[in-house]
Amino acid sequence: MRLMVMFDLPTETSKQRKQYRQFRKKLINEGFIMIQYSVYVRVCTTKSAAEFLEKRIKDFLPDEGIIQSLVLTEKQYSDMHFLRGKMIEEVRNSSKRTVIL
């Protein structure tokens, strides 16, 4: 499973910029990696783990903007096509490092 978070946050005021930086930093601290500007993804072991993570994200949402999440299976994520550019091979973005006990 992968949890993808996409967001469009306002950055017109200093308060909005601060909330943007804090939100992005908290996503990274939760284990998300950026796959595109304002699109972050994280590997989850199960659908319930992804739903739990969504609830954690709700605890630190900024006051304004649009934030969306999408749960994808490994098959759906691996079927992503790159029309320009190429995938970044990074261990943190791989389900191979996931250990299920």
N, C-alpha and C. Protein backbone atom coordinates (compact mmCIF):
# COMPACT_ATOMS: atom_id res chain seq x y z
N MET A 1 0.84 -1.18 0.00
CA MET A 1 0.00 0.00 0.00
C MET A 1 0.88 1.25 0.00
N ARG A 2 0.38 2.26 -0.62
CA ARG A 2 1.03 3.57 -0.60
C ARG A 2 -0.03 4.60 -0.25
N LEU A 3 0.34 5.55 0.57
CA LEU A 3 -0.53 6.68 0.85
C LEU A 3 0.08 7.89 0.17
N MET A 4 -0.69 8.49 -0.72
CA MET A 4 -0.24 9.67 -1.45
C MET A 4 -1.00 10.88 -0.90
N VAL A 5 -0.27 11.94 -0.60
CA VAL A 5 -0.86 13.19 -0.13
C VAL A 5 -0.50 14.28 -1.13
N MET A 6 -1.53 14.97 -1.62
CA MET A 6 -1.35 16.05 -2.58
C MET A 6 -1.93 17.31 -1.96
N PHE A 7 -1.25 18.43 -2.11
CA PHE A 7 -1.76 19.64 -1.48
C PHE A 7 -1.46 20.88 -2.29
N ASP A 8 -2.32 21.86 -2.11
CA ASP A 8 -2.17 23.18 -2.71
C ASP A 8 -2.46 24.17 -1.58
N LEU A 9 -1.42 24.73 -1.02
CA LEU A 9 -1.57 25.61 0.13
C LEU A 9 -1.21 27.04 -0.24
N PRO A 10 -1.97 28.01 0.29
CA PRO A 10 -1.64 29.41 0.01
C PRO A 10 -0.34 29.81 0.71
N THR A 11 0.41 30.70 0.06
CA THR A 11 1.68 31.17 0.63
C THR A 11 1.81 32.69 0.47
N GLU A 12 0.68 33.38 0.58
CA GLU A 12 0.70 34.83 0.36
C GLU A 12 1.15 35.60 1.59
N THR A 13 0.82 35.13 2.78
CA THR A 13 1.20 35.83 4.00
C THR A 13 2.30 35.05 4.72
N SER A 14 2.96 35.69 5.66
CA SER A 14 4.01 34.99 6.41
C SER A 14 3.42 33.85 7.24
N LYS A 15 2.21 34.02 7.76
CA LYS A 15 1.55 32.94 8.51
C LYS A 15 1.28 31.74 7.61
N GLN A 16 0.81 31.98 6.39
CA GLN A 16 0.53 30.90 5.45
C GLN A 16 1.82 30.18 5.05
N ARG A 17 2.90 30.93 4.83
CA ARG A 17 4.18 30.32 4.47
C ARG A 17 4.70 29.46 5.62
N LYS A 18 4.53 29.94 6.84
CA LYS A 18 4.98 29.19 8.02
C LYS A 18 4.18 27.89 8.14
N GLN A 19 2.86 27.97 7.94
CA GLN A 19 2.03 26.76 8.02
C GLN A 19 2.39 25.78 6.90
N TYR A 20 2.70 26.28 5.72
CA TYR A 20 3.14 25.43 4.62
C TYR A 20 4.42 24.69 5.00
N ARG A 21 5.40 25.41 5.51
CA ARG A 21 6.68 24.79 5.90
C ARG A 21 6.48 23.76 7.01
N GLN A 22 5.65 24.10 7.99
CA GLN A 22 5.40 23.17 9.09
C GLN A 22 4.70 21.90 8.60
N PHE A 23 3.69 22.05 7.73
CA PHE A 23 2.98 20.90 7.20
C PHE A 23 3.92 19.99 6.43
N ARG A 24 4.72 20.58 5.54
CA ARG A 24 5.65 19.81 4.73
C ARG A 24 6.66 19.08 5.61
N LYS A 25 7.19 19.77 6.62
CA LYS A 25 8.16 19.17 7.54
C LYS A 25 7.55 18.00 8.32
N LYS A 26 6.30 18.15 8.74
CA LYS A 26 5.64 17.08 9.49
C LYS A 26 5.37 15.88 8.60
N LEU A 27 5.04 16.10 7.33
CA LEU A 27 4.88 14.98 6.39
C LEU A 27 6.19 14.21 6.27
N ILE A 28 7.28 14.92 6.12
CA ILE A 28 8.60 14.29 5.99
C ILE A 28 8.93 13.52 7.27
N ASN A 29 8.62 14.11 8.43
CA ASN A 29 8.87 13.43 9.70
C ASN A 29 8.03 12.17 9.86
N GLU A 30 6.88 12.10 9.17
CA GLU A 30 6.02 10.91 9.19
C GLU A 30 6.50 9.85 8.20
N GLY A 31 7.57 10.14 7.46
CA GLY A 31 8.14 9.16 6.55
C GLY A 31 7.76 9.35 5.09
N PHE A 32 7.13 10.46 4.76
CA PHE A 32 6.75 10.72 3.37
C PHE A 32 7.95 11.24 2.59
N ILE A 33 7.97 10.93 1.31
CA ILE A 33 8.99 11.51 0.43
C ILE A 33 8.28 12.24 -0.71
N MET A 34 8.92 13.27 -1.20
CA MET A 34 8.34 14.07 -2.27
C MET A 34 8.57 13.36 -3.60
N ILE A 35 7.48 13.14 -4.35
CA ILE A 35 7.64 12.58 -5.69
C ILE A 35 7.45 13.66 -6.74
N GLN A 36 6.77 14.74 -6.38
CA GLN A 36 6.65 15.95 -7.19
C GLN A 36 6.37 17.08 -6.22
N TYR A 37 6.51 18.28 -6.70
CA TYR A 37 6.22 19.43 -5.86
C TYR A 37 4.79 19.32 -5.33
N SER A 38 4.62 19.32 -4.03
CA SER A 38 3.33 19.22 -3.35
C SER A 38 2.64 17.87 -3.51
N VAL A 39 3.41 16.83 -3.87
CA VAL A 39 2.89 15.47 -3.91
C VAL A 39 3.88 14.59 -3.15
N TYR A 40 3.40 13.97 -2.08
CA TYR A 40 4.24 13.16 -1.21
C TYR A 40 3.63 11.77 -1.09
N VAL A 41 4.48 10.77 -0.90
CA VAL A 41 4.01 9.38 -0.81
C VAL A 41 4.77 8.65 0.28
N ARG A 42 4.08 7.67 0.87
CA ARG A 42 4.71 6.85 1.89
C ARG A 42 4.21 5.42 1.75
N VAL A 43 5.10 4.46 2.00
CA VAL A 43 4.73 3.05 1.99
C VAL A 43 4.03 2.74 3.30
N CYS A 44 2.91 2.01 3.22
CA CYS A 44 2.17 1.55 4.40
C CYS A 44 2.00 0.04 4.27
N THR A 45 2.03 -0.66 5.38
CA THR A 45 1.95 -2.12 5.33
C THR A 45 0.55 -2.62 5.00
N THR A 46 -0.47 -1.92 5.49
CA THR A 46 -1.86 -2.34 5.27
C THR A 46 -2.74 -1.13 5.02
N LYS A 47 -3.97 -1.39 4.57
CA LYS A 47 -4.93 -0.31 4.36
C LYS A 47 -5.27 0.35 5.69
N SER A 48 -5.37 -0.42 6.75
CA SER A 48 -5.68 0.17 8.06
C SER A 48 -4.52 1.05 8.54
N ALA A 49 -3.28 0.70 8.21
CA ALA A 49 -2.13 1.54 8.57
C ALA A 49 -2.21 2.86 7.80
N ALA A 50 -2.62 2.80 6.54
CA ALA A 50 -2.77 4.02 5.74
C ALA A 50 -3.88 4.91 6.31
N GLU A 51 -4.99 4.29 6.72
CA GLU A 51 -6.09 5.05 7.32
C GLU A 51 -5.67 5.68 8.64
N PHE A 52 -4.89 4.95 9.45
CA PHE A 52 -4.37 5.50 10.70
C PHE A 52 -3.47 6.70 10.42
N LEU A 53 -2.64 6.59 9.41
CA LEU A 53 -1.73 7.68 9.05
C LEU A 53 -2.52 8.90 8.58
N GLU A 54 -3.61 8.68 7.84
CA GLU A 54 -4.47 9.79 7.42
C GLU A 54 -5.02 10.53 8.64
N LYS A 55 -5.41 9.79 9.66
CA LYS A 55 -5.92 10.42 10.89
C LYS A 55 -4.83 11.23 11.57
N ARG A 56 -3.59 10.73 11.56
CA ARG A 56 -2.47 11.49 12.16
C ARG A 56 -2.24 12.80 11.40
N ILE A 57 -2.36 12.74 10.07
CA ILE A 57 -2.16 13.94 9.26
C ILE A 57 -3.23 14.98 9.57
N LYS A 58 -4.46 14.52 9.82
CA LYS A 58 -5.54 15.44 10.14
C LYS A 58 -5.24 16.26 11.39
N ASP A 59 -4.36 15.76 12.25
CA ASP A 59 -4.01 16.48 13.48
C ASP A 59 -3.12 17.69 13.23
N PHE A 60 -2.48 17.76 12.07
CA PHE A 60 -1.59 18.91 11.82
C PHE A 60 -1.88 19.62 10.50
N LEU A 61 -3.14 19.61 10.08
CA LEU A 61 -3.53 20.32 8.86
C LEU A 61 -3.43 21.83 9.04
N PRO A 62 -2.98 22.55 8.03
CA PRO A 62 -2.98 24.01 8.09
C PRO A 62 -4.42 24.55 8.03
N ASP A 63 -4.57 25.82 8.33
CA ASP A 63 -5.90 26.45 8.39
C ASP A 63 -6.57 26.56 7.02
N GLU A 64 -5.77 26.73 5.95
CA GLU A 64 -6.33 26.98 4.62
C GLU A 64 -5.71 26.03 3.60
N GLY A 65 -6.30 26.00 2.41
CA GLY A 65 -5.75 25.23 1.30
C GLY A 65 -6.53 23.97 1.01
N ILE A 66 -6.03 23.22 0.06
CA ILE A 66 -6.63 21.95 -0.35
C ILE A 66 -5.61 20.85 -0.10
N ILE A 67 -6.03 19.83 0.62
CA ILE A 67 -5.16 18.68 0.90
C ILE A 67 -5.98 17.43 0.61
N GLN A 68 -5.43 16.57 -0.24
CA GLN A 68 -6.12 15.34 -0.63
C GLN A 68 -5.21 14.15 -0.36
N SER A 69 -5.82 13.01 -0.07
CA SER A 69 -5.03 11.79 0.10
C SER A 69 -5.63 10.70 -0.77
N LEU A 70 -4.79 9.75 -1.12
CA LEU A 70 -5.20 8.64 -1.98
C LEU A 70 -4.42 7.40 -1.56
N VAL A 71 -5.13 6.31 -1.30
CA VAL A 71 -4.49 5.05 -0.96
C VAL A 71 -4.37 4.23 -2.24
N LEU A 72 -3.16 3.79 -2.53
CA LEU A 72 -2.87 3.01 -3.73
C LEU A 72 -2.27 1.67 -3.36
N THR A 73 -2.61 0.65 -4.11
CA THR A 73 -1.94 -0.63 -3.94
C THR A 73 -0.57 -0.55 -4.59
N GLU A 74 0.29 -1.52 -4.28
CA GLU A 74 1.61 -1.54 -4.91
C GLU A 74 1.48 -1.69 -6.43
N LYS A 75 0.51 -2.47 -6.86
CA LYS A 75 0.28 -2.67 -8.30
C LYS A 75 -0.11 -1.36 -8.97
N GLN A 76 -1.04 -0.62 -8.37
CA GLN A 76 -1.46 0.66 -8.94
C GLN A 76 -0.29 1.63 -8.98
N TYR A 77 0.49 1.68 -7.91
CA TYR A 77 1.63 2.60 -7.86
C TYR A 77 2.68 2.21 -8.89
N SER A 78 2.94 0.92 -9.03
CA SER A 78 3.97 0.49 -9.99
C SER A 78 3.51 0.66 -11.44
N ASP A 79 2.20 0.80 -11.66
CA ASP A 79 1.68 1.03 -13.01
C ASP A 79 1.76 2.50 -13.43
N MET A 80 2.31 3.35 -12.58
CA MET A 80 2.45 4.76 -12.91
C MET A 80 3.38 4.91 -14.12
N HIS A 81 2.99 5.73 -15.06
CA HIS A 81 3.80 5.97 -16.25
C HIS A 81 4.52 7.29 -16.13
N PHE A 82 5.76 7.30 -16.54
CA PHE A 82 6.55 8.53 -16.58
C PHE A 82 6.57 9.02 -18.01
N LEU A 83 5.85 10.09 -18.26
CA LEU A 83 5.78 10.65 -19.61
C LEU A 83 7.00 11.50 -19.92
N ARG A 84 7.58 12.08 -18.91
CA ARG A 84 8.84 12.81 -19.03
C ARG A 84 9.57 12.62 -17.72
N GLY A 85 10.87 12.45 -17.78
CA GLY A 85 11.65 12.20 -16.57
C GLY A 85 11.66 10.72 -16.24
N LYS A 86 12.30 10.40 -15.13
CA LYS A 86 12.38 9.00 -14.74
C LYS A 86 12.24 8.86 -13.23
N MET A 87 11.87 7.68 -12.83
CA MET A 87 11.66 7.40 -11.42
C MET A 87 12.96 7.49 -10.65
N ILE A 88 12.88 8.04 -9.45
CA ILE A 88 14.04 8.11 -8.58
C ILE A 88 14.08 6.83 -7.76
N GLU A 89 15.13 6.07 -7.95
CA GLU A 89 15.29 4.82 -7.19
C GLU A 89 15.86 5.18 -5.83
N GLU A 90 15.02 5.10 -4.81
CA GLU A 90 15.45 5.44 -3.46
C GLU A 90 14.90 4.39 -2.51
N VAL A 91 15.71 3.95 -1.60
CA VAL A 91 15.31 2.90 -0.67
C VAL A 91 14.07 3.30 0.12
N ARG A 92 14.00 4.57 0.53
CA ARG A 92 12.86 5.02 1.33
C ARG A 92 11.55 4.95 0.55
N ASN A 93 11.61 4.92 -0.75
CA ASN A 93 10.41 4.88 -1.58
C ASN A 93 10.07 3.46 -2.02
N SER A 94 10.70 2.48 -1.44
CA SER A 94 10.52 1.11 -1.86
C SER A 94 9.84 0.29 -0.76
N SER A 95 8.93 -0.57 -1.15
CA SER A 95 8.29 -1.47 -0.19
C SER A 95 9.22 -2.61 0.19
N LYS A 96 10.37 -2.73 -0.47
CA LYS A 96 11.33 -3.80 -0.18
C LYS A 96 11.90 -3.65 1.23
N ARG A 97 11.91 -2.45 1.77
CA ARG A 97 12.45 -2.27 3.10
C ARG A 97 11.42 -2.52 4.19
N THR A 98 10.16 -2.78 3.82
CA THR A 98 9.10 -3.03 4.78
C THR A 98 9.22 -4.44 5.33
N VAL A 99 9.25 -4.55 6.65
CA VAL A 99 9.33 -5.84 7.32
C VAL A 99 8.04 -6.05 8.09
N ILE A 100 7.35 -7.15 7.82
CA ILE A 100 6.10 -7.45 8.52
C ILE A 100 6.39 -8.54 9.54
N LEU A 101 6.13 -8.23 10.79
CA LEU A 101 6.37 -9.20 11.87
C LEU A 101 5.12 -9.93 12.25
